[in-house]
PDB file of N, CA and C in Angstrom:
ATOM      1  N   MET A   1       0.827  -1.197   0.020  1.00  0.00           N
ATOM      2  CA  MET A   1      -0.013   0.001  -0.020  1.00  0.00           C
ATOM      3  C   MET A   1       0.863   1.271   0.005  1.00  0.00           C
ATOM      4  N   LYS A   2       1.935   1.239   0.786  1.00  0.00           N
ATOM      5  CA  LYS A   2       2.839   2.392   0.837  1.00  0.00           C
ATOM      6  C   LYS A   2       3.540   2.567  -0.477  1.00  0.00           C
ATOM      7  N   ARG A   3       3.842   1.440  -1.110  1.00  0.00           N
ATOM      8  CA  ARG A   3       4.534   1.516  -2.405  1.00  0.00           C
ATOM      9  C   ARG A   3       3.631   2.148  -3.467  1.00  0.00           C
ATOM     10  N   ALA A   4       2.359   1.817  -3.451  1.00  0.00           N
ATOM     11  CA  ALA A   4       1.421   2.383  -4.442  1.00  0.00           C
ATOM     12  C   ALA A   4       1.242   3.866  -4.185  1.00  0.00           C
ATOM     13  N   THR A   5       1.176   4.285  -2.933  1.00  0.00           N
ATOM     14  CA  THR A   5       1.052   5.671  -2.603  1.00  0.00           C
ATOM     15  C   THR A   5       2.277   6.443  -3.011  1.00  0.00           C
ATOM     16  N   LEU A   6       3.455   5.871  -2.803  1.00  0.00           N
ATOM     17  CA  LEU A   6       4.699   6.517  -3.199  1.00  0.00           C
ATOM     18  C   LEU A   6       4.782   6.657  -4.718  1.00  0.00           C
ATOM     19  N   LEU A   7       4.382   5.643  -5.470  1.00  0.00           N
ATOM     20  CA  LEU A   7       4.374   5.724  -6.910  1.00  0.00           C
ATOM     21  C   LEU A   7       3.392   6.762  -7.418  1.00  0.00           C
ATOM     22  N   LEU A   8       2.243   6.858  -6.806  1.00  0.00           N
ATOM     23  CA  LEU A   8       1.246   7.829  -7.181  1.00  0.00           C
ATOM     24  C   LEU A   8       1.739   9.251  -6.915  1.00  0.00           C
ATOM     25  N   ALA A   9       2.352   9.454  -5.760  1.00  0.00           N
ATOM     26  CA  ALA A   9       2.896  10.771  -5.406  1.00  0.00           C
ATOM     27  C   ALA A   9       4.001  11.197  -6.333  1.00  0.00           C
ATOM     28  N   SER A  10       4.907  10.279  -6.698  1.00  0.00           N
ATOM     29  CA  SER A  10       5.986  10.590  -7.598  1.00  0.00           C
ATOM     30  C   SER A  10       5.482  10.887  -9.009  1.00  0.00           C
ATOM     31  N   ALA A  11       4.484  10.149  -9.446  1.00  0.00           N
ATOM     32  CA  ALA A  11       3.900  10.415 -10.772  1.00  0.00           C
ATOM     33  C   ALA A  11       3.240  11.784 -10.810  1.00  0.00           C
ATOM     34  N   THR A  12       2.576  12.143  -9.729  1.00  0.00           N
ATOM     35  CA  THR A  12       1.886  13.452  -9.665  1.00  0.00           C
ATOM     36  C   THR A  12       2.936  14.577  -9.718  1.00  0.00           C
ATOM     37  N   LEU A  13       4.032  14.384  -9.028  1.00  0.00           N
ATOM     38  CA  LEU A  13       5.087  15.392  -9.085  1.00  0.00           C
ATOM     39  C   LEU A  13       5.717  15.554 -10.440  1.00  0.00           C
ATOM     40  N   LEU A  14       5.897  14.424 -11.125  1.00  0.00           N
ATOM     41  CA  LEU A  14       6.470  14.503 -12.459  1.00  0.00           C
ATOM     42  C   LEU A  14       5.511  15.165 -13.466  1.00  0.00           C
ATOM     43  N   VAL A  15       4.224  14.947 -13.315  1.00  0.00           N
ATOM     44  CA  VAL A  15       3.273  15.577 -14.224  1.00  0.00           C
ATOM     45  C   VAL A  15       3.238  17.082 -13.961  1.00  0.00           C
ATOM     46  N   ALA A  16       3.359  17.510 -12.748  1.00  0.00           N
ATOM     47  CA  ALA A  16       3.284  18.924 -12.416  1.00  0.00           C
ATOM     48  C   ALA A  16       4.485  19.690 -12.973  1.00  0.00           C
ATOM     49  N   CYS A  17       5.608  18.998 -13.229  1.00  0.00           N
ATOM     50  CA  CYS A  17       6.822  19.642 -13.728  1.00  0.00           C
ATOM     51  C   CYS A  17       6.858  19.684 -15.262  1.00  0.00           C
ATOM     52  N   GLY A  18       5.851  19.185 -15.909  1.00  0.00           N
ATOM     53  CA  GLY A  18       5.891  19.075 -17.377  1.00  0.00           C
ATOM     54  C   GLY A  18       5.237  20.189 -18.125  1.00  0.00           C
ATOM     55  N   GLU A  19       5.135  21.406 -17.581  1.00  0.00           N
ATOM     56  CA  GLU A  19       4.500  22.509 -18.288  1.00  0.00           C
ATOM     57  C   GLU A  19       5.453  23.049 -19.358  1.00  0.00           C
ATOM     58  N   PRO A  20       4.917  23.288 -20.567  1.00  0.00           N
ATOM     59  CA  PRO A  20       5.773  23.795 -21.648  1.00  0.00           C
ATOM     60  C   PRO A  20       6.149  25.253 -21.436  1.00  0.00           C
ATOM     61  N   ASN A  21       7.175  25.700 -22.089  1.00  0.00           N
ATOM     62  CA  ASN A  21       7.670  27.056 -22.030  1.00  0.00           C
ATOM     63  C   ASN A  21       6.620  27.994 -22.655  1.00  0.00           C
ATOM     64  N   GLN A  22       6.206  29.033 -21.946  1.00  0.00           N
ATOM     65  CA  GLN A  22       5.201  29.983 -22.467  1.00  0.00           C
ATOM     66  C   GLN A  22       5.771  31.395 -22.590  1.00  0.00           C
ATOM     67  N   SER A  23       7.073  31.521 -22.556  1.00  0.00           N
ATOM     68  CA  SER A  23       7.683  32.828 -22.665  1.00  0.00           C
ATOM     69  C   SER A  23       7.579  33.374 -24.104  1.00  0.00           C
ATOM     70  N   LYS A  24       7.618  34.671 -24.250  1.00  0.00           N
ATOM     71  CA  LYS A  24       7.570  35.288 -25.546  1.00  0.00           C
ATOM     72  C   LYS A  24       8.960  35.271 -26.122  1.00  0.00           C
ATOM     73  N   SER A  25       9.151  34.556 -27.188  1.00  0.00           N
ATOM     74  CA  SER A  25      10.436  34.454 -27.833  1.00  0.00           C
ATOM     75  C   SER A  25      10.235  34.451 -29.362  1.00  0.00           C
ATOM     76  N   THR A  26      11.298  34.360 -30.093  1.00  0.00           N
ATOM     77  CA  THR A  26      11.167  34.381 -31.585  1.00  0.00           C
ATOM     78  C   THR A  26      10.504  33.125 -32.083  1.00  0.00           C
ATOM     79  N   GLY A  27      10.630  32.005 -31.360  1.00  0.00           N
ATOM     80  CA  GLY A  27      10.032  30.786 -31.811  1.00  0.00           C
ATOM     81  C   GLY A  27       8.582  30.621 -31.417  1.00  0.00           C
ATOM     82  N   ASN A  28       8.098  31.466 -30.566  1.00  0.00           N
ATOM     83  CA  ASN A  28       6.720  31.411 -30.109  1.00  0.00           C
ATOM     84  C   ASN A  28       5.812  32.165 -31.068  1.00  0.00           C
ATOM     85  N   THR A  29       4.804  31.508 -31.644  1.00  0.00           N
ATOM     86  CA  THR A  29       3.965  32.154 -32.629  1.00  0.00           C
ATOM     87  C   THR A  29       2.870  32.981 -31.996  1.00  0.00           C
ATOM     88  N   ASN A  30       2.613  32.827 -30.732  1.00  0.00           N
ATOM     89  CA  ASN A  30       1.563  33.570 -30.038  1.00  0.00           C
ATOM     90  C   ASN A  30       2.200  34.806 -29.350  1.00  0.00           C
ATOM     91  N   ARG A  31       2.644  35.729 -30.176  1.00  0.00           N
ATOM     92  CA  ARG A  31       3.287  36.951 -29.657  1.00  0.00           C
ATOM     93  C   ARG A  31       2.327  38.085 -29.631  1.00  0.00           C
ATOM     94  N   GLY A  32       2.405  38.958 -28.638  1.00  0.00           N
ATOM     95  CA  GLY A  32       1.539  40.038 -28.508  1.00  0.00           C
ATOM     96  C   GLY A  32       2.020  41.350 -29.053  1.00  0.00           C
ATOM     97  N   ASP A  33       2.973  41.303 -30.012  1.00  0.00           N
ATOM     98  CA  ASP A  33       3.576  42.531 -30.518  1.00  0.00           C
ATOM     99  C   ASP A  33       2.882  43.058 -31.784  1.00  0.00           C
ATOM    100  N   THR A  34       1.814  42.459 -32.243  1.00  0.00           N
ATOM    101  CA  THR A  34       1.066  42.948 -33.379  1.00  0.00           C
ATOM    102  C   THR A  34      -0.337  43.380 -32.915  1.00  0.00           C
ATOM    103  N   ALA A  35      -0.950  44.215 -33.664  1.00  0.00           N
ATOM    104  CA  ALA A  35      -2.278  44.681 -33.312  1.00  0.00           C
ATOM    105  C   ALA A  35      -3.260  43.532 -33.451  1.00  0.00           C
ATOM    106  N   ALA A  36      -4.325  43.540 -32.650  1.00  0.00           N
ATOM    107  CA  ALA A  36      -5.289  42.471 -32.594  1.00  0.00           C
ATOM    108  C   ALA A  36      -6.009  42.288 -33.922  1.00  0.00           C
ATOM    109  N   TRP A  37      -6.283  43.363 -34.620  1.00  0.00           N
ATOM    110  CA  TRP A  37      -7.043  43.238 -35.886  1.00  0.00           C
ATOM    111  C   TRP A  37      -6.196  42.765 -37.047  1.00  0.00           C
ATOM    112  N   GLN A  38      -4.901  42.598 -36.834  1.00  0.00           N
ATOM    113  CA  GLN A  38      -4.007  42.043 -37.858  1.00  0.00           C
ATOM    114  C   GLN A  38      -3.834  40.566 -37.677  1.00  0.00           C
ATOM    115  N   GLY A  39      -4.719  39.912 -36.961  1.00  0.00           N
ATOM    116  CA  GLY A  39      -4.624  38.517 -36.549  1.00  0.00           C
ATOM    117  C   GLY A  39      -4.484  37.523 -37.647  1.00  0.00           C
ATOM    118  N   ALA A  40      -5.123  36.407 -37.521  1.00  0.00           N
ATOM    119  CA  ALA A  40      -4.977  35.246 -38.355  1.00  0.00           C
ATOM    120  C   ALA A  40      -5.433  35.549 -39.807  1.00  0.00           C
ATOM    121  N   ASN A  41      -4.642  35.092 -40.736  1.00  0.00           N
ATOM    122  CA  ASN A  41      -5.020  35.186 -42.130  1.00  0.00           C
ATOM    123  C   ASN A  41      -5.155  33.799 -42.678  1.00  0.00           C
ATOM    124  N   ASN A  42      -6.232  33.118 -42.287  1.00  0.00           N
ATOM    125  CA  ASN A  42      -6.469  31.743 -42.704  1.00  0.00           C
ATOM    126  C   ASN A  42      -7.941  31.543 -43.005  1.00  0.00           C
ATOM    127  N   PRO A  43      -8.322  30.418 -43.597  1.00  0.00           N
ATOM    128  CA  PRO A  43      -9.712  30.216 -43.995  1.00  0.00           C
ATOM    129  C   PRO A  43     -10.676  30.001 -42.825  1.00  0.00           C
ATOM    130  N   HIS A  44     -10.201  29.977 -41.613  1.00  0.00           N
ATOM    131  CA  HIS A  44     -11.058  29.630 -40.465  1.00  0.00           C
ATOM    132  C   HIS A  44     -11.537  30.891 -39.715  1.00  0.00           C
ATOM    133  N   VAL A  45     -11.334  32.059 -40.224  1.00  0.00           N
ATOM    134  CA  VAL A  45     -11.801  33.251 -39.547  1.00  0.00           C
ATOM    135  C   VAL A  45     -13.289  33.405 -39.841  1.00  0.00           C
ATOM    136  N   VAL A  46     -13.970  34.119 -38.950  1.00  0.00           N
ATOM    137  CA  VAL A  46     -15.424  34.271 -39.087  1.00  0.00           C
ATOM    138  C   VAL A  46     -15.767  35.205 -40.232  1.00  0.00           C
ATOM    139  N   LYS A  47     -16.899  34.966 -40.847  1.00  0.00           N
ATOM    140  CA  LYS A  47     -17.306  35.781 -42.002  1.00  0.00           C
ATOM    141  C   LYS A  47     -17.630  37.207 -41.497  1.00  0.00           C
ATOM    142  N   GLY A  48     -17.267  38.176 -42.278  1.00  0.00           N
ATOM    143  CA  GLY A  48     -17.503  39.578 -41.864  1.00  0.00           C
ATOM    144  C   GLY A  48     -16.293  40.209 -41.253  1.00  0.00           C
ATOM    145  N   TRP A  49     -15.226  39.435 -41.052  1.00  0.00           N
ATOM    146  CA  TRP A  49     -13.995  40.006 -40.496  1.00  0.00           C
ATOM    147  C   TRP A  49     -12.892  39.818 -41.520  1.00  0.00           C
ATOM    148  N   ASN A  50     -12.226  40.954 -41.841  1.00  0.00           N
ATOM    149  CA  ASN A  50     -11.119  40.926 -42.786  1.00  0.00           C
ATOM    150  C   ASN A  50      -9.852  41.168 -42.033  1.00  0.00           C
ATOM    151  N   PRO A  51      -8.901  40.256 -42.058  1.00  0.00           N
ATOM    152  CA  PRO A  51      -7.632  40.477 -41.341  1.00  0.00           C
ATOM    153  C   PRO A  51      -6.939  41.754 -41.807  1.00  0.00           C
ATOM    154  N   GLY A  52      -6.548  42.563 -40.893  1.00  0.00           N
ATOM    155  CA  GLY A  52      -5.869  43.846 -41.165  1.00  0.00           C
ATOM    156  C   GLY A  52      -6.834  45.028 -41.179  1.00  0.00           C
ATOM    157  N   ASN A  53      -8.125  44.804 -41.120  1.00  0.00           N
ATOM    158  CA  ASN A  53      -9.065  45.907 -41.141  1.00  0.00           C
ATOM    159  C   ASN A  53      -9.586  46.144 -39.748  1.00  0.00           C
ATOM    160  N   GLN A  54      -9.204  47.250 -39.140  1.00  0.00           N
ATOM    161  CA  GLN A  54      -9.527  47.582 -37.766  1.00  0.00           C
ATOM    162  C   GLN A  54     -11.043  47.747 -37.587  1.00  0.00           C
ATOM    163  N   GLY A  55     -11.694  48.366 -38.524  1.00  0.00           N
ATOM    164  CA  GLY A  55     -13.134  48.613 -38.418  1.00  0.00           C
ATOM    165  C   GLY A  55     -13.936  47.350 -38.400  1.00  0.00           C
ATOM    166  N   SER A  56     -13.616  46.398 -39.297  1.00  0.00           N
ATOM    167  CA  SER A  56     -14.359  45.128 -39.315  1.00  0.00           C
ATOM    168  C   SER A  56     -14.063  44.317 -38.051  1.00  0.00           C
ATOM    169  N   TRP A  57     -12.870  44.434 -37.523  1.00  0.00           N
ATOM    170  CA  TRP A  57     -12.515  43.722 -36.278  1.00  0.00           C
ATOM    171  C   TRP A  57     -13.331  44.279 -35.133  1.00  0.00           C
ATOM    172  N   GLU A  58     -13.447  45.608 -35.016  1.00  0.00           N
ATOM    173  CA  GLU A  58     -14.214  46.213 -33.946  1.00  0.00           C
ATOM    174  C   GLU A  58     -15.695  45.817 -34.042  1.00  0.00           C
ATOM    175  N   ASN A  59     -16.227  45.811 -35.270  1.00  0.00           N
ATOM    176  CA  ASN A  59     -17.630  45.398 -35.473  1.00  0.00           C
ATOM    177  C   ASN A  59     -17.830  43.930 -35.024  1.00  0.00           C
ATOM    178  N   GLN A  60     -16.910  43.069 -35.348  1.00  0.00           N
ATOM    179  CA  GLN A  60     -17.008  41.675 -34.991  1.00  0.00           C
ATOM    180  C   GLN A  60     -16.933  41.473 -33.463  1.00  0.00           C
ATOM    181  N   ILE A  61     -16.059  42.224 -32.812  1.00  0.00           N
ATOM    182  CA  ILE A  61     -15.965  42.143 -31.355  1.00  0.00           C
ATOM    183  C   ILE A  61     -17.254  42.677 -30.714  1.00  0.00           C
ATOM    184  N   ARG A  62     -17.796  43.742 -31.254  1.00  0.00           N
ATOM    185  CA  ARG A  62     -19.030  44.289 -30.714  1.00  0.00           C
ATOM    186  C   ARG A  62     -20.191  43.314 -30.871  1.00  0.00           C
ATOM    187  N   SER A  63     -20.285  42.656 -32.001  1.00  0.00           N
ATOM    188  CA  SER A  63     -21.383  41.687 -32.239  1.00  0.00           C
ATOM    189  C   SER A  63     -21.234  40.484 -31.356  1.00  0.00           C
ATOM    190  N   ARG A  64     -19.986  40.033 -31.146  1.00  0.00           N
ATOM    191  CA  ARG A  64     -19.777  38.920 -30.206  1.00  0.00           C
ATOM    192  C   ARG A  64     -20.165  39.275 -28.793  1.00  0.00           C
ATOM    193  N   GLY A  65     -19.843  40.504 -28.430  1.00  0.00           N
ATOM    194  CA  GLY A  65     -20.204  40.967 -27.075  1.00  0.00           C
ATOM    195  C   GLY A  65     -21.704  40.997 -26.896  1.00  0.00           C
ATOM    196  N   GLN A  66     -22.440  41.341 -27.909  1.00  0.00           N
ATOM    197  CA  GLN A  66     -23.908  41.394 -27.810  1.00  0.00           C
ATOM    198  C   GLN A  66     -24.508  40.001 -27.660  1.00  0.00           C
ATOM    199  N   LEU A  67     -23.833  38.986 -28.196  1.00  0.00           N
ATOM    200  CA  LEU A  67     -24.316  37.611 -28.013  1.00  0.00           C
ATOM    201  C   LEU A  67     -24.135  37.144 -26.577  1.00  0.00           C
ATOM    202  N   GLN A  68     -23.252  37.798 -25.823  1.00  0.00           N
ATOM    203  CA  GLN A  68     -23.023  37.428 -24.444  1.00  0.00           C
ATOM    204  C   GLN A  68     -23.786  38.343 -23.451  1.00  0.00           C
ATOM    205  N   ASN A  69     -24.514  39.267 -23.992  1.00  0.00           N
ATOM    206  CA  ASN A  69     -25.276  40.190 -23.157  1.00  0.00           C
ATOM    207  C   ASN A  69     -26.571  39.541 -22.675  1.00  0.00           C
ATOM    208  N   GLU A  70     -26.653  39.289 -21.401  1.00  0.00           N
ATOM    209  CA  GLU A  70     -27.837  38.604 -20.850  1.00  0.00           C
ATOM    210  C   GLU A  70     -29.086  39.458 -20.896  1.00  0.00           C
ATOM    211  N   TYR A  71     -28.949  40.785 -20.845  1.00  0.00           N
ATOM    212  CA  TYR A  71     -30.067  41.649 -20.896  1.00  0.00           C
ATOM    213  C   TYR A  71     -30.819  41.507 -22.267  1.00  0.00           C
ATOM    214  N   THR A  72     -30.038  41.481 -23.327  1.00  0.00           N
ATOM    215  CA  THR A  72     -30.664  41.339 -24.643  1.00  0.00           C
ATOM    216  C   THR A  72     -31.227  39.956 -24.867  1.00  0.00           C
ATOM    217  N   LYS A  73     -30.688  38.953 -24.201  1.00  0.00           N
ATOM    218  CA  LYS A  73     -31.221  37.570 -24.323  1.00  0.00           C
ATOM    219  C   LYS A  73     -32.551  37.451 -23.665  1.00  0.00           C
ATOM    220  N   THR A  74     -32.753  38.135 -22.527  1.00  0.00           N
ATOM    221  CA  THR A  74     -33.982  37.933 -21.790  1.00  0.00           C
ATOM    222  C   THR A  74     -35.131  38.850 -22.238  1.00  0.00           C
ATOM    223  N   ASN A  75     -34.811  39.905 -22.969  1.00  0.00           N
ATOM    224  CA  ASN A  75     -35.870  40.869 -23.402  1.00  0.00           C
ATOM    225  C   ASN A  75     -36.127  40.717 -24.869  1.00  0.00           C
TER     226      ASN A  75
END
Protein backbone atom coordinates (compact mmCIF):
# COMPACT_ATOMS: atom_id res chain seq x y z
CA MET A 1 0.00 0.00 0.00
CA LYS A 2 2.83 2.40 0.85
CA ARG A 3 4.53 1.51 -2.40
CA ALA A 4 1.42 2.37 -4.44
CA THR A 5 1.05 5.68 -2.59
CA LEU A 6 4.70 6.52 -3.20
CA LEU A 7 4.38 5.72 -6.91
CA LEU A 8 1.25 7.83 -7.20
CA ALA A 9 2.88 10.77 -5.41
CA SER A 10 6.00 10.61 -7.59
CA ALA A 11 3.90 10.41 -10.77
CA THR A 12 1.90 13.45 -9.66
CA LEU A 13 5.09 15.42 -9.06
CA LEU A 14 6.47 14.50 -12.47
CA VAL A 15 3.27 15.57 -14.22
CA ALA A 16 3.30 18.93 -12.43
CA CYS A 17 6.81 19.65 -13.73
CA GLY A 18 5.89 19.08 -17.36
CA GLU A 19 4.51 22.51 -18.28
CA PRO A 20 5.77 23.79 -21.65
CA ASN A 21 7.64 27.07 -22.02
CA GLN A 22 5.21 29.98 -22.45
CA SER A 23 7.67 32.85 -22.67
CA LYS A 24 7.57 35.28 -25.56
CA SER A 25 10.43 34.47 -27.85
CA THR A 26 11.17 34.38 -31.56
CA GLY A 27 10.03 30.77 -31.81
CA ASN A 28 6.71 31.41 -30.10
CA THR A 29 3.96 32.15 -32.64
CA ASN A 30 1.57 33.59 -30.05
CA ARG A 31 3.29 36.92 -29.64
CA GLY A 32 1.52 40.06 -28.50
CA ASP A 33 3.56 42.54 -30.52
CA THR A 34 1.06 42.94 -33.38
CA ALA A 35 -2.28 44.68 -33.33
CA ALA A 36 -5.28 42.46 -32.59
CA TRP A 37 -7.04 43.25 -35.87
CA GLN A 38 -4.03 42.05 -37.87
CA GLY A 39 -4.62 38.53 -36.54
CA ALA A 40 -4.97 35.25 -38.37
CA ASN A 41 -5.03 35.20 -42.13
CA ASN A 42 -6.47 31.74 -42.71
CA PRO A 43 -9.72 30.22 -44.00
CA HIS A 44 -11.05 29.65 -40.47
CA VAL A 45 -11.80 33.26 -39.56
CA VAL A 46 -15.42 34.28 -39.07
CA LYS A 47 -17.33 35.79 -41.99
CA GLY A 48 -17.51 39.56 -41.87
CA TRP A 49 -14.00 40.00 -40.51
CA ASN A 50 -11.14 40.93 -42.79
CA PRO A 51 -7.63 40.47 -41.35
CA GLY A 52 -5.87 43.82 -41.18
CA ASN A 53 -9.08 45.90 -41.15
CA GLN A 54 -9.54 47.56 -37.77
CA GLY A 55 -13.14 48.62 -38.42
CA SER A 56 -14.36 45.13 -39.30
CA TRP A 57 -12.50 43.73 -36.29
CA GLU A 58 -14.22 46.21 -33.95
CA ASN A 59 -17.63 45.39 -35.45
CA GLN A 60 -17.01 41.66 -34.99
CA ILE A 61 -15.96 42.13 -31.35
CA ARG A 62 -19.03 44.31 -30.72
CA SER A 63 -21.39 41.70 -32.23
CA ARG A 64 -19.77 38.89 -30.21
CA GLY A 65 -20.20 40.96 -27.08
CA GLN A 66 -23.90 41.41 -27.81
CA LEU A 67 -24.30 37.62 -28.02
CA GLN A 68 -23.02 37.42 -24.44
CA ASN A 69 -25.28 40.20 -23.16
CA GLU A 70 -27.83 38.60 -20.84
CA TYR A 71 -30.08 41.66 -20.91
CA THR A 72 -30.67 41.35 -24.66
CA LYS A 73 -31.21 37.60 -24.33
CA THR A 74 -34.00 37.95 -21.78
CA ASN A 75 -35.86 40.86 -23.41
